[in-house]
Amino acid sequence: MIDLELVHSATSLSTGKTYQIDGVLYHYLCSDGTTAHPQYIFRPLRGQRKKIDLKLNHQKLLRRCYEVPGMPVRSEVTSEAAQMRLF
């Protein structure tokens, strides 16, 4: 079982880390909104049931967002490309 760490501050959010919110794995994209009412946008990882971005305000972020230590976000880039030629 992985020990999850509750996010204590919005300044600790990073695009290279994985977060669990309500049992779904997400990665952090960016913050939006005003300085008085910030919103934090998360995108679900591939293979998760949820497919839509999630916006959390500051209070919900501190209550529902957990960091998954030791699980970095991996972006998969394939070098295979299909090339077609016209004669």
N, C-alpha and C. Protein backbone atom coordinates (compact mmCIF):
# COMPACT_ATOMS: atom_id res chain seq x y z
N MET A 1 0.83 -1.17 0.00
CA MET A 1 0.00 0.00 0.00
C MET A 1 0.88 1.24 0.00
N ILE A 2 0.54 2.20 -0.82
CA ILE A 2 1.32 3.42 -0.94
C ILE A 2 0.81 4.43 0.09
N ASP A 3 1.74 5.05 0.81
CA ASP A 3 1.37 6.09 1.78
C ASP A 3 1.17 7.40 1.04
N LEU A 4 -0.04 7.91 1.06
CA LEU A 4 -0.36 9.17 0.41
C LEU A 4 -0.09 10.32 1.37
N GLU A 5 0.36 11.44 0.81
CA GLU A 5 0.65 12.62 1.61
C GLU A 5 -0.32 13.72 1.23
N LEU A 6 -1.05 14.24 2.21
CA LEU A 6 -1.99 15.32 1.98
C LEU A 6 -1.24 16.58 1.57
N VAL A 7 -1.76 17.26 0.56
CA VAL A 7 -1.14 18.51 0.11
C VAL A 7 -1.47 19.59 1.13
N HIS A 8 -0.44 20.20 1.71
CA HIS A 8 -0.63 21.20 2.76
C HIS A 8 -0.61 22.62 2.23
N SER A 9 -0.07 22.81 1.03
CA SER A 9 0.06 24.15 0.48
C SER A 9 0.00 24.08 -1.04
N ALA A 10 -0.58 25.09 -1.64
CA ALA A 10 -0.67 25.13 -3.10
C ALA A 10 0.69 25.38 -3.73
N THR A 11 1.62 25.92 -2.98
CA THR A 11 2.95 26.17 -3.53
C THR A 11 3.74 24.88 -3.73
N SER A 12 3.31 23.79 -3.12
CA SER A 12 4.01 22.52 -3.29
C SER A 12 3.55 21.74 -4.52
N LEU A 13 2.55 22.25 -5.24
CA LEU A 13 2.08 21.57 -6.44
C LEU A 13 3.14 21.64 -7.53
N SER A 14 3.29 20.52 -8.26
CA SER A 14 4.29 20.45 -9.32
C SER A 14 3.71 19.68 -10.50
N THR A 15 4.10 20.06 -11.70
CA THR A 15 3.60 19.38 -12.89
C THR A 15 4.22 17.99 -13.07
N GLY A 16 5.30 17.71 -12.38
CA GLY A 16 5.96 16.43 -12.52
C GLY A 16 5.54 15.38 -11.51
N LYS A 17 4.57 15.72 -10.65
CA LYS A 17 4.14 14.79 -9.61
C LYS A 17 2.74 14.25 -9.92
N THR A 18 2.41 13.12 -9.31
CA THR A 18 1.09 12.51 -9.46
C THR A 18 0.29 12.77 -8.19
N TYR A 19 -1.00 13.08 -8.38
CA TYR A 19 -1.89 13.38 -7.27
C TYR A 19 -3.12 12.49 -7.34
N GLN A 20 -3.62 12.12 -6.18
CA GLN A 20 -4.85 11.34 -6.10
C GLN A 20 -5.95 12.21 -5.50
N ILE A 21 -7.05 12.33 -6.25
CA ILE A 21 -8.19 13.11 -5.80
C ILE A 21 -9.42 12.23 -5.96
N ASP A 22 -10.08 11.91 -4.86
CA ASP A 22 -11.27 11.05 -4.87
C ASP A 22 -11.03 9.71 -5.56
N GLY A 23 -9.87 9.13 -5.36
CA GLY A 23 -9.57 7.81 -5.88
C GLY A 23 -9.12 7.78 -7.33
N VAL A 24 -8.93 8.93 -7.97
CA VAL A 24 -8.50 9.02 -9.36
C VAL A 24 -7.14 9.69 -9.40
N LEU A 25 -6.25 9.20 -10.26
CA LEU A 25 -4.90 9.77 -10.38
C LEU A 25 -4.89 10.91 -11.39
N TYR A 26 -4.31 12.02 -10.99
CA TYR A 26 -4.25 13.23 -11.81
C TYR A 26 -2.83 13.76 -11.84
N HIS A 27 -2.55 14.64 -12.82
CA HIS A 27 -1.34 15.46 -12.75
C HIS A 27 -1.76 16.93 -12.84
N TYR A 28 -0.99 17.77 -12.20
CA TYR A 28 -1.30 19.19 -12.10
C TYR A 28 -0.95 19.89 -13.39
N LEU A 29 -1.87 20.73 -13.89
CA LEU A 29 -1.61 21.50 -15.11
C LEU A 29 -1.20 22.93 -14.80
N CYS A 30 -2.09 23.70 -14.16
CA CYS A 30 -1.81 25.10 -13.90
C CYS A 30 -2.82 25.65 -12.91
N SER A 31 -2.61 26.89 -12.52
CA SER A 31 -3.59 27.57 -11.67
C SER A 31 -4.31 28.61 -12.52
N ASP A 32 -5.54 28.90 -12.14
CA ASP A 32 -6.38 29.81 -12.90
C ASP A 32 -7.16 30.66 -11.91
N GLY A 33 -7.84 31.66 -12.38
CA GLY A 33 -8.65 32.49 -11.51
C GLY A 33 -7.89 33.70 -11.02
N THR A 34 -8.44 34.34 -10.01
CA THR A 34 -7.82 35.54 -9.46
C THR A 34 -6.94 35.17 -8.27
N THR A 35 -6.20 36.15 -7.79
CA THR A 35 -5.36 35.88 -6.63
C THR A 35 -6.20 35.69 -5.38
N ALA A 36 -7.36 36.31 -5.33
CA ALA A 36 -8.24 36.14 -4.17
C ALA A 36 -8.98 34.81 -4.21
N HIS A 37 -9.29 34.32 -5.42
CA HIS A 37 -10.02 33.07 -5.57
C HIS A 37 -9.33 32.19 -6.62
N PRO A 38 -8.21 31.59 -6.26
CA PRO A 38 -7.50 30.75 -7.24
C PRO A 38 -8.20 29.42 -7.45
N GLN A 39 -8.03 28.88 -8.65
CA GLN A 39 -8.50 27.54 -8.97
C GLN A 39 -7.32 26.76 -9.54
N TYR A 40 -7.25 25.50 -9.20
CA TYR A 40 -6.14 24.65 -9.61
C TYR A 40 -6.69 23.57 -10.54
N ILE A 41 -6.07 23.43 -11.70
CA ILE A 41 -6.58 22.54 -12.74
C ILE A 41 -5.72 21.28 -12.80
N PHE A 42 -6.40 20.13 -12.77
CA PHE A 42 -5.75 18.83 -12.83
C PHE A 42 -6.31 18.04 -14.01
N ARG A 43 -5.47 17.22 -14.65
CA ARG A 43 -5.89 16.36 -15.75
C ARG A 43 -5.66 14.91 -15.36
N PRO A 44 -6.64 14.03 -15.59
CA PRO A 44 -6.47 12.61 -15.22
C PRO A 44 -5.40 11.93 -16.07
N LEU A 45 -4.72 10.98 -15.46
CA LEU A 45 -3.70 10.23 -16.18
C LEU A 45 -4.37 9.26 -17.15
N ARG A 46 -3.61 8.79 -18.11
CA ARG A 46 -4.14 7.80 -19.06
C ARG A 46 -4.54 6.54 -18.32
N GLY A 47 -5.63 5.94 -18.76
CA GLY A 47 -6.10 4.70 -18.17
C GLY A 47 -7.06 4.90 -17.01
N GLN A 48 -7.33 6.14 -16.64
CA GLN A 48 -8.26 6.41 -15.56
C GLN A 48 -9.68 6.49 -16.12
N ARG A 49 -10.64 6.22 -15.30
CA ARG A 49 -12.03 6.25 -15.73
C ARG A 49 -12.48 7.67 -16.08
N LYS A 50 -12.05 8.63 -15.31
CA LYS A 50 -12.39 10.03 -15.57
C LYS A 50 -11.57 10.53 -16.76
N LYS A 51 -12.20 11.33 -17.61
CA LYS A 51 -11.51 11.84 -18.81
C LYS A 51 -11.50 13.36 -18.90
N ILE A 52 -12.14 14.03 -17.96
CA ILE A 52 -12.29 15.48 -18.04
C ILE A 52 -11.41 16.16 -16.98
N ASP A 53 -10.96 17.37 -17.29
CA ASP A 53 -10.14 18.12 -16.35
C ASP A 53 -10.94 18.48 -15.10
N LEU A 54 -10.24 18.61 -14.00
CA LEU A 54 -10.85 18.90 -12.71
C LEU A 54 -10.33 20.23 -12.19
N LYS A 55 -11.24 21.11 -11.77
CA LYS A 55 -10.87 22.39 -11.16
C LYS A 55 -11.21 22.34 -9.69
N LEU A 56 -10.22 22.67 -8.85
CA LEU A 56 -10.43 22.72 -7.41
C LEU A 56 -10.11 24.11 -6.89
N ASN A 57 -10.92 24.59 -5.96
CA ASN A 57 -10.57 25.85 -5.30
C ASN A 57 -9.58 25.53 -4.17
N HIS A 58 -9.16 26.55 -3.46
CA HIS A 58 -8.11 26.37 -2.45
C HIS A 58 -8.54 25.45 -1.31
N GLN A 59 -9.77 25.61 -0.82
CA GLN A 59 -10.25 24.78 0.29
C GLN A 59 -10.36 23.30 -0.11
N LYS A 60 -10.91 23.03 -1.28
CA LYS A 60 -11.04 21.64 -1.73
C LYS A 60 -9.68 21.03 -2.01
N LEU A 61 -8.75 21.83 -2.49
CA LEU A 61 -7.39 21.33 -2.73
C LEU A 61 -6.78 20.82 -1.44
N LEU A 62 -6.92 21.58 -0.37
CA LEU A 62 -6.29 21.20 0.90
C LEU A 62 -6.99 20.03 1.57
N ARG A 63 -8.24 19.75 1.23
CA ARG A 63 -8.98 18.65 1.85
C ARG A 63 -8.96 17.36 1.04
N ARG A 64 -8.93 17.45 -0.28
CA ARG A 64 -9.15 16.27 -1.12
C ARG A 64 -7.94 15.82 -1.93
N CYS A 65 -6.90 16.61 -2.00
CA CYS A 65 -5.77 16.32 -2.87
C CYS A 65 -4.62 15.66 -2.09
N TYR A 66 -4.19 14.49 -2.56
CA TYR A 66 -3.08 13.76 -1.95
C TYR A 66 -1.98 13.56 -2.98
N GLU A 67 -0.75 13.74 -2.57
CA GLU A 67 0.39 13.47 -3.44
C GLU A 67 0.76 12.00 -3.33
N VAL A 68 1.03 11.37 -4.47
CA VAL A 68 1.47 9.98 -4.50
C VAL A 68 2.99 10.00 -4.63
N PRO A 69 3.72 9.75 -3.53
CA PRO A 69 5.18 9.82 -3.59
C PRO A 69 5.77 8.66 -4.40
N GLY A 70 6.83 8.96 -5.13
CA GLY A 70 7.52 7.93 -5.90
C GLY A 70 6.83 7.55 -7.19
N MET A 71 5.84 8.33 -7.63
CA MET A 71 5.13 8.03 -8.88
C MET A 71 5.15 9.27 -9.76
N PRO A 72 6.21 9.47 -10.53
CA PRO A 72 6.27 10.66 -11.38
C PRO A 72 5.34 10.51 -12.59
N VAL A 73 4.96 11.64 -13.15
CA VAL A 73 4.14 11.63 -14.37
C VAL A 73 5.06 11.29 -15.52
N ARG A 74 4.67 10.32 -16.29
CA ARG A 74 5.48 9.90 -17.45
C ARG A 74 4.75 10.29 -18.71
N SER A 75 5.41 11.04 -19.55
CA SER A 75 4.83 11.36 -20.84
C SER A 75 5.45 10.40 -21.85
N GLU A 76 4.58 9.74 -22.57
CA GLU A 76 5.04 8.74 -23.52
C GLU A 76 5.14 9.37 -24.91
N VAL A 77 6.33 9.33 -25.46
CA VAL A 77 6.55 9.83 -26.81
C VAL A 77 7.07 8.67 -27.63
N THR A 78 6.38 8.40 -28.71
CA THR A 78 6.82 7.30 -29.57
C THR A 78 7.55 7.87 -30.76
N SER A 79 8.55 7.15 -31.19
CA SER A 79 9.34 7.61 -32.34
C SER A 79 8.84 7.00 -33.64
N GLU A 80 7.83 6.17 -33.56
CA GLU A 80 7.29 5.56 -34.77
C GLU A 80 6.40 6.56 -35.49
N ALA A 81 6.56 6.61 -36.77
CA ALA A 81 5.73 7.52 -37.57
C ALA A 81 5.40 6.83 -38.90
N ALA A 82 4.21 7.02 -39.33
CA ALA A 82 3.79 6.48 -40.62
C ALA A 82 3.97 7.56 -41.66
N GLN A 83 4.68 7.23 -42.71
CA GLN A 83 4.93 8.21 -43.74
C GLN A 83 4.39 7.67 -45.06
N MET A 84 3.67 8.52 -45.75
CA MET A 84 3.09 8.11 -47.02
C MET A 84 3.73 8.93 -48.13
N ARG A 85 3.91 8.27 -49.27
CA ARG A 85 4.49 8.96 -50.42
C ARG A 85 3.52 8.92 -51.57
N LEU A 86 3.47 9.99 -52.29
CA LEU A 86 2.69 10.03 -53.52
C LEU A 86 3.64 10.04 -54.70
N PHE A 87 3.36 9.21 -55.64
CA PHE A 87 4.24 9.14 -56.83
C PHE A 87 3.68 9.96 -57.95
